[in-house]
Amino acid sequence: MQEEDLPTGTVLIAGGGPVGLLVAQVLAHYQVKSVLLERNQSTTKWPKMDLTNSRSMEIFRRLGLADALREQGVASHIPQPVLFSTGLPADRIITKWEHPSASLSSHRASKIEIMAD
C-alpha cells in the first residue's frame, strides 16, 4: 500500500455505513472535499439501518434525499410491531408492542391536534 498525504482541508471519513455516507453527503453539500475509507469491497448482504428518526429525516430533506429514502423504506401502510424476547430465535416472548403503520399514526396525530385546538 502506498502512503499518500491528503490535500489540506480534506476530511477523512472512516467507514461507509449510514453515518459515514451521510457525513460525506453533508460535506459535499457544503463543498468540503472528503475521502471515505471503507474496509469492505462491496455492500453488505443485510441493511445496517432499520429506522430513521425525525432529526435524521430533517437532514435528509435539506440534502434533497428524503423522498428517495422514503421510496426505499417500508410502505407507510404496513404496521411495525416490536417483539421483545429472551433471544434469537424468539425462545420466550416477553411482550409484543403492536405499533400501527406510519400512515395510521400520522392520521391519529392529526386528529389529536384538531381536538387540541
N, C-alpha and C. Protein backbone atom coordinates (compact mmCIF):
# COMPACT_ATOMS: atom_id res chain seq x y z
N MET A 1 0.84 -1.17 0.00
CA MET A 1 0.00 0.00 0.00
C MET A 1 0.89 1.24 0.00
N GLN A 2 0.51 2.21 -0.77
CA GLN A 2 1.28 3.44 -0.89
C GLN A 2 0.71 4.49 0.06
N GLU A 3 1.59 5.16 0.80
CA GLU A 3 1.17 6.22 1.71
C GLU A 3 1.05 7.51 0.92
N GLU A 4 -0.01 8.25 1.20
CA GLU A 4 -0.26 9.48 0.47
C GLU A 4 -0.87 10.51 1.41
N ASP A 5 -0.41 11.75 1.32
CA ASP A 5 -0.98 12.82 2.14
C ASP A 5 -2.25 13.35 1.48
N LEU A 6 -3.22 13.67 2.32
CA LEU A 6 -4.44 14.30 1.81
C LEU A 6 -4.20 15.79 1.63
N PRO A 7 -4.80 16.38 0.61
CA PRO A 7 -4.68 17.83 0.46
C PRO A 7 -5.22 18.55 1.69
N THR A 8 -4.64 19.68 2.04
CA THR A 8 -5.10 20.46 3.18
C THR A 8 -6.59 20.78 3.04
N GLY A 9 -7.32 20.61 4.13
CA GLY A 9 -8.75 20.90 4.13
C GLY A 9 -9.62 19.73 3.73
N THR A 10 -9.01 18.60 3.38
CA THR A 10 -9.79 17.41 3.02
C THR A 10 -10.09 16.62 4.28
N VAL A 11 -11.33 16.21 4.43
CA VAL A 11 -11.76 15.45 5.61
C VAL A 11 -11.68 13.96 5.30
N LEU A 12 -11.09 13.20 6.21
CA LEU A 12 -11.01 11.75 6.09
C LEU A 12 -12.16 11.13 6.87
N ILE A 13 -12.96 10.32 6.22
CA ILE A 13 -14.11 9.65 6.85
C ILE A 13 -13.81 8.16 6.91
N ALA A 14 -13.85 7.60 8.11
CA ALA A 14 -13.59 6.17 8.29
C ALA A 14 -14.91 5.42 8.36
N GLY A 15 -15.22 4.65 7.34
CA GLY A 15 -16.41 3.82 7.34
C GLY A 15 -17.50 4.32 6.44
N GLY A 16 -18.01 3.44 5.59
CA GLY A 16 -19.06 3.78 4.64
C GLY A 16 -20.42 3.26 5.04
N GLY A 17 -20.67 3.20 6.35
CA GLY A 17 -22.01 2.83 6.82
C GLY A 17 -22.93 4.03 6.72
N PRO A 18 -24.12 3.94 7.32
CA PRO A 18 -25.07 5.05 7.23
C PRO A 18 -24.51 6.39 7.68
N VAL A 19 -23.76 6.41 8.77
CA VAL A 19 -23.22 7.68 9.29
C VAL A 19 -22.12 8.21 8.38
N GLY A 20 -21.19 7.36 7.99
CA GLY A 20 -20.11 7.79 7.12
C GLY A 20 -20.60 8.33 5.79
N LEU A 21 -21.59 7.64 5.20
CA LEU A 21 -22.15 8.11 3.93
C LEU A 21 -22.86 9.44 4.10
N LEU A 22 -23.57 9.60 5.20
CA LEU A 22 -24.27 10.86 5.44
C LEU A 22 -23.27 12.00 5.65
N VAL A 23 -22.21 11.74 6.41
CA VAL A 23 -21.19 12.77 6.62
C VAL A 23 -20.59 13.19 5.28
N ALA A 24 -20.28 12.22 4.42
CA ALA A 24 -19.73 12.54 3.10
C ALA A 24 -20.71 13.38 2.28
N GLN A 25 -21.99 13.04 2.35
CA GLN A 25 -23.01 13.79 1.60
C GLN A 25 -23.15 15.22 2.13
N VAL A 26 -23.15 15.37 3.45
CA VAL A 26 -23.27 16.71 4.05
C VAL A 26 -22.06 17.56 3.68
N LEU A 27 -20.87 16.98 3.77
CA LEU A 27 -19.66 17.74 3.41
C LEU A 27 -19.70 18.15 1.94
N ALA A 28 -20.13 17.24 1.06
CA ALA A 28 -20.22 17.56 -0.37
C ALA A 28 -21.25 18.67 -0.60
N HIS A 29 -22.34 18.63 0.14
CA HIS A 29 -23.37 19.67 0.03
C HIS A 29 -22.79 21.05 0.32
N TYR A 30 -21.87 21.10 1.29
CA TYR A 30 -21.23 22.38 1.66
C TYR A 30 -19.89 22.58 0.94
N GLN A 31 -19.66 21.79 -0.11
CA GLN A 31 -18.47 21.88 -0.96
C GLN A 31 -17.16 21.70 -0.19
N VAL A 32 -17.19 20.78 0.78
CA VAL A 32 -15.98 20.42 1.52
C VAL A 32 -15.51 19.08 0.96
N LYS A 33 -14.24 19.01 0.56
CA LYS A 33 -13.70 17.78 -0.01
C LYS A 33 -13.52 16.75 1.09
N SER A 34 -13.80 15.49 0.73
CA SER A 34 -13.62 14.41 1.69
C SER A 34 -13.18 13.14 0.97
N VAL A 35 -12.58 12.25 1.74
CA VAL A 35 -12.21 10.92 1.27
C VAL A 35 -12.81 9.94 2.25
N LEU A 36 -13.57 8.96 1.75
CA LEU A 36 -14.21 7.97 2.59
C LEU A 36 -13.48 6.64 2.44
N LEU A 37 -13.06 6.07 3.55
CA LEU A 37 -12.40 4.76 3.53
C LEU A 37 -13.36 3.71 4.07
N GLU A 38 -13.49 2.60 3.35
CA GLU A 38 -14.37 1.50 3.77
C GLU A 38 -13.60 0.20 3.65
N ARG A 39 -13.67 -0.62 4.67
CA ARG A 39 -12.90 -1.87 4.66
C ARG A 39 -13.49 -2.93 3.75
N ASN A 40 -14.80 -2.91 3.52
CA ASN A 40 -15.44 -3.91 2.67
C ASN A 40 -15.36 -3.49 1.21
N GLN A 41 -15.17 -4.48 0.33
CA GLN A 41 -15.04 -4.18 -1.10
C GLN A 41 -16.39 -4.02 -1.79
N SER A 42 -17.45 -4.52 -1.17
CA SER A 42 -18.78 -4.37 -1.75
C SER A 42 -19.78 -4.13 -0.63
N THR A 43 -21.04 -3.92 -0.99
CA THR A 43 -22.05 -3.67 0.02
C THR A 43 -22.28 -4.93 0.85
N THR A 44 -22.79 -4.74 2.06
CA THR A 44 -23.08 -5.88 2.92
C THR A 44 -24.37 -6.55 2.47
N LYS A 45 -24.57 -7.78 2.89
CA LYS A 45 -25.76 -8.53 2.50
C LYS A 45 -27.01 -7.96 3.15
N TRP A 46 -26.90 -7.52 4.40
CA TRP A 46 -28.05 -7.05 5.16
C TRP A 46 -27.95 -5.54 5.42
N PRO A 47 -29.07 -4.86 5.47
CA PRO A 47 -29.06 -3.42 5.78
C PRO A 47 -28.49 -3.15 7.17
N LYS A 48 -27.91 -1.99 7.34
CA LYS A 48 -27.37 -1.60 8.65
C LYS A 48 -28.27 -0.59 9.34
N MET A 49 -29.39 -0.28 8.77
CA MET A 49 -30.26 0.75 9.33
C MET A 49 -31.70 0.29 9.16
N ASP A 50 -32.44 0.18 10.28
CA ASP A 50 -33.82 -0.27 10.15
C ASP A 50 -34.84 0.82 10.43
N LEU A 51 -34.45 1.91 11.02
CA LEU A 51 -35.38 3.02 11.17
C LEU A 51 -34.61 4.32 11.19
N THR A 52 -35.30 5.37 10.86
CA THR A 52 -34.67 6.69 10.79
C THR A 52 -35.49 7.65 11.63
N ASN A 53 -34.83 8.32 12.55
CA ASN A 53 -35.58 9.25 13.42
C ASN A 53 -35.87 10.56 12.70
N SER A 54 -36.72 11.36 13.32
CA SER A 54 -37.18 12.59 12.66
C SER A 54 -36.05 13.59 12.41
N ARG A 55 -35.10 13.69 13.31
CA ARG A 55 -33.97 14.62 13.10
C ARG A 55 -33.16 14.22 11.88
N SER A 56 -32.92 12.92 11.72
CA SER A 56 -32.19 12.46 10.54
C SER A 56 -32.96 12.79 9.27
N MET A 57 -34.28 12.60 9.30
CA MET A 57 -35.09 12.92 8.12
C MET A 57 -35.05 14.41 7.80
N GLU A 58 -34.94 15.26 8.82
CA GLU A 58 -34.80 16.70 8.56
C GLU A 58 -33.52 16.96 7.78
N ILE A 59 -32.44 16.30 8.17
CA ILE A 59 -31.16 16.47 7.47
C ILE A 59 -31.29 15.94 6.04
N PHE A 60 -31.89 14.75 5.87
CA PHE A 60 -32.07 14.19 4.53
C PHE A 60 -32.92 15.10 3.66
N ARG A 61 -33.94 15.73 4.25
CA ARG A 61 -34.80 16.64 3.49
C ARG A 61 -33.99 17.84 2.99
N ARG A 62 -33.15 18.40 3.86
CA ARG A 62 -32.32 19.54 3.45
C ARG A 62 -31.37 19.19 2.32
N LEU A 63 -30.92 17.94 2.31
CA LEU A 63 -30.00 17.48 1.27
C LEU A 63 -30.72 17.01 0.01
N GLY A 64 -32.06 17.01 0.05
CA GLY A 64 -32.84 16.55 -1.09
C GLY A 64 -32.91 15.04 -1.21
N LEU A 65 -32.69 14.31 -0.11
CA LEU A 65 -32.66 12.85 -0.14
C LEU A 65 -33.89 12.19 0.49
N ALA A 66 -34.73 12.95 1.18
CA ALA A 66 -35.82 12.36 1.97
C ALA A 66 -36.79 11.54 1.12
N ASP A 67 -37.22 12.07 -0.02
CA ASP A 67 -38.19 11.35 -0.84
C ASP A 67 -37.62 10.03 -1.37
N ALA A 68 -36.37 10.05 -1.81
CA ALA A 68 -35.74 8.82 -2.31
C ALA A 68 -35.60 7.78 -1.20
N LEU A 69 -35.29 8.22 0.02
CA LEU A 69 -35.19 7.29 1.14
C LEU A 69 -36.55 6.70 1.49
N ARG A 70 -37.58 7.52 1.47
CA ARG A 70 -38.93 7.01 1.76
C ARG A 70 -39.35 5.95 0.74
N GLU A 71 -38.99 6.16 -0.52
CA GLU A 71 -39.33 5.18 -1.56
C GLU A 71 -38.67 3.83 -1.30
N GLN A 72 -37.49 3.83 -0.69
CA GLN A 72 -36.76 2.59 -0.42
C GLN A 72 -37.19 1.91 0.88
N GLY A 73 -37.92 2.64 1.72
CA GLY A 73 -38.29 2.13 3.03
C GLY A 73 -39.55 1.28 3.00
N VAL A 74 -39.98 0.88 4.18
CA VAL A 74 -41.21 0.11 4.34
C VAL A 74 -42.39 1.00 3.99
N ALA A 75 -43.34 0.47 3.25
CA ALA A 75 -44.52 1.25 2.86
C ALA A 75 -45.24 1.76 4.10
N SER A 76 -45.79 2.96 4.01
CA SER A 76 -46.36 3.63 5.18
C SER A 76 -47.62 2.96 5.71
N HIS A 77 -48.25 2.06 4.94
CA HIS A 77 -49.47 1.39 5.41
C HIS A 77 -49.19 0.09 6.17
N ILE A 78 -47.93 -0.34 6.25
CA ILE A 78 -47.58 -1.61 6.90
C ILE A 78 -47.32 -1.38 8.39
N PRO A 79 -47.99 -2.13 9.28
CA PRO A 79 -47.75 -1.99 10.72
C PRO A 79 -46.31 -2.36 11.08
N GLN A 80 -45.82 -1.85 12.21
CA GLN A 80 -44.44 -2.07 12.63
C GLN A 80 -44.40 -2.61 14.06
N PRO A 81 -44.83 -3.86 14.29
CA PRO A 81 -44.82 -4.39 15.65
C PRO A 81 -43.39 -4.58 16.17
N VAL A 82 -43.24 -4.52 17.49
CA VAL A 82 -41.94 -4.73 18.13
C VAL A 82 -42.08 -5.92 19.07
N LEU A 83 -41.17 -6.89 18.96
CA LEU A 83 -41.21 -8.10 19.77
C LEU A 83 -40.01 -8.13 20.71
N PHE A 84 -40.25 -8.33 22.00
CA PHE A 84 -39.18 -8.49 22.98
C PHE A 84 -39.13 -9.96 23.37
N SER A 85 -37.94 -10.57 23.26
CA SER A 85 -37.81 -11.99 23.60
C SER A 85 -36.51 -12.22 24.34
N THR A 86 -36.33 -13.47 24.80
CA THR A 86 -35.12 -13.82 25.56
C THR A 86 -33.94 -14.10 24.65
N GLY A 87 -34.13 -14.22 23.38
CA GLY A 87 -33.02 -14.48 22.47
C GLY A 87 -33.51 -14.68 21.05
N LEU A 88 -32.60 -15.10 20.18
CA LEU A 88 -32.94 -15.38 18.79
C LEU A 88 -32.73 -16.85 18.51
N PRO A 89 -33.63 -17.55 17.84
CA PRO A 89 -34.98 -17.08 17.54
C PRO A 89 -35.75 -16.83 18.83
N ALA A 90 -36.91 -16.24 18.73
CA ALA A 90 -37.67 -15.81 19.92
C ALA A 90 -37.98 -17.00 20.83
N ASP A 91 -36.98 -17.37 21.66
CA ASP A 91 -37.13 -18.52 22.57
C ASP A 91 -38.36 -18.36 23.46
N ARG A 92 -38.41 -17.24 24.13
CA ARG A 92 -39.54 -16.96 25.02
C ARG A 92 -39.92 -15.50 24.80
N ILE A 93 -41.13 -15.28 24.34
CA ILE A 93 -41.60 -13.92 24.07
C ILE A 93 -41.94 -13.26 25.40
N ILE A 94 -41.35 -12.10 25.65
CA ILE A 94 -41.61 -11.34 26.86
C ILE A 94 -42.83 -10.46 26.66
N THR A 95 -42.84 -9.71 25.59
CA THR A 95 -44.01 -8.88 25.26
C THR A 95 -43.93 -8.47 23.79
N LYS A 96 -45.03 -7.99 23.28
CA LYS A 96 -45.09 -7.53 21.90
C LYS A 96 -45.87 -6.23 21.88
N TRP A 97 -45.30 -5.22 21.26
CA TRP A 97 -45.98 -3.94 21.10
C TRP A 97 -46.53 -3.88 19.68
N GLU A 98 -47.80 -3.62 19.58
CA GLU A 98 -48.44 -3.51 18.27
C GLU A 98 -48.43 -2.05 17.83
N HIS A 99 -47.39 -1.66 17.13
CA HIS A 99 -47.31 -0.29 16.62
C HIS A 99 -48.08 -0.20 15.31
N PRO A 100 -48.91 0.81 15.16
CA PRO A 100 -49.64 0.95 13.90
C PRO A 100 -48.71 1.38 12.77
N SER A 101 -49.23 1.38 11.58
CA SER A 101 -48.45 1.84 10.43
C SER A 101 -48.16 3.33 10.57
N ALA A 102 -47.19 3.80 9.81
CA ALA A 102 -46.83 5.22 9.85
C ALA A 102 -47.99 6.10 9.40
N SER A 103 -48.72 5.66 8.37
CA SER A 103 -49.84 6.47 7.89
C SER A 103 -50.97 6.53 8.92
N LEU A 104 -51.24 5.43 9.64
CA LEU A 104 -52.27 5.45 10.67
C LEU A 104 -51.82 6.31 11.86
N SER A 105 -50.55 6.22 12.23
CA SER A 105 -50.03 7.07 13.32
C SER A 105 -50.17 8.54 12.97
N SER A 106 -49.85 8.89 11.74
CA SER A 106 -49.95 10.28 11.29
C SER A 106 -51.40 10.74 11.31
N HIS A 107 -52.31 9.87 10.87
CA HIS A 107 -53.74 10.20 10.87
C HIS A 107 -54.23 10.43 12.30
N ARG A 108 -53.83 9.55 13.22
CA ARG A 108 -54.23 9.70 14.63
C ARG A 108 -53.67 11.00 15.22
N ALA A 109 -52.41 11.30 14.90
CA ALA A 109 -51.78 12.52 15.42
C ALA A 109 -52.51 13.76 14.92
N SER A 110 -52.93 13.76 13.67
CA SER A 110 -53.65 14.93 13.14
C SER A 110 -55.00 15.10 13.83
N LYS A 111 -55.65 14.01 14.20
CA LYS A 111 -56.92 14.10 14.93
C LYS A 111 -56.69 14.68 16.32
N ILE A 112 -55.60 14.28 16.97
CA ILE A 112 -55.28 14.80 18.30
C ILE A 112 -55.03 16.30 18.23
N GLU A 113 -54.30 16.75 17.19
CA GLU A 113 -54.03 18.18 17.03
C GLU A 113 -55.32 18.96 16.83
N ILE A 114 -56.26 18.41 16.06
CA ILE A 114 -57.54 19.08 15.83
C ILE A 114 -58.31 19.18 17.14
N MET A 115 -58.30 18.10 17.93
CA MET A 115 -59.00 18.10 19.21
C MET A 115 -58.38 19.10 20.19
N ALA A 116 -57.07 19.29 20.09
CA ALA A 116 -56.37 20.21 21.00
C ALA A 116 -56.68 21.66 20.67
N ASP A 117 -57.00 21.93 19.41
CA ASP A 117 -57.31 23.32 19.01
C ASP A 117 -58.61 23.71 19.57
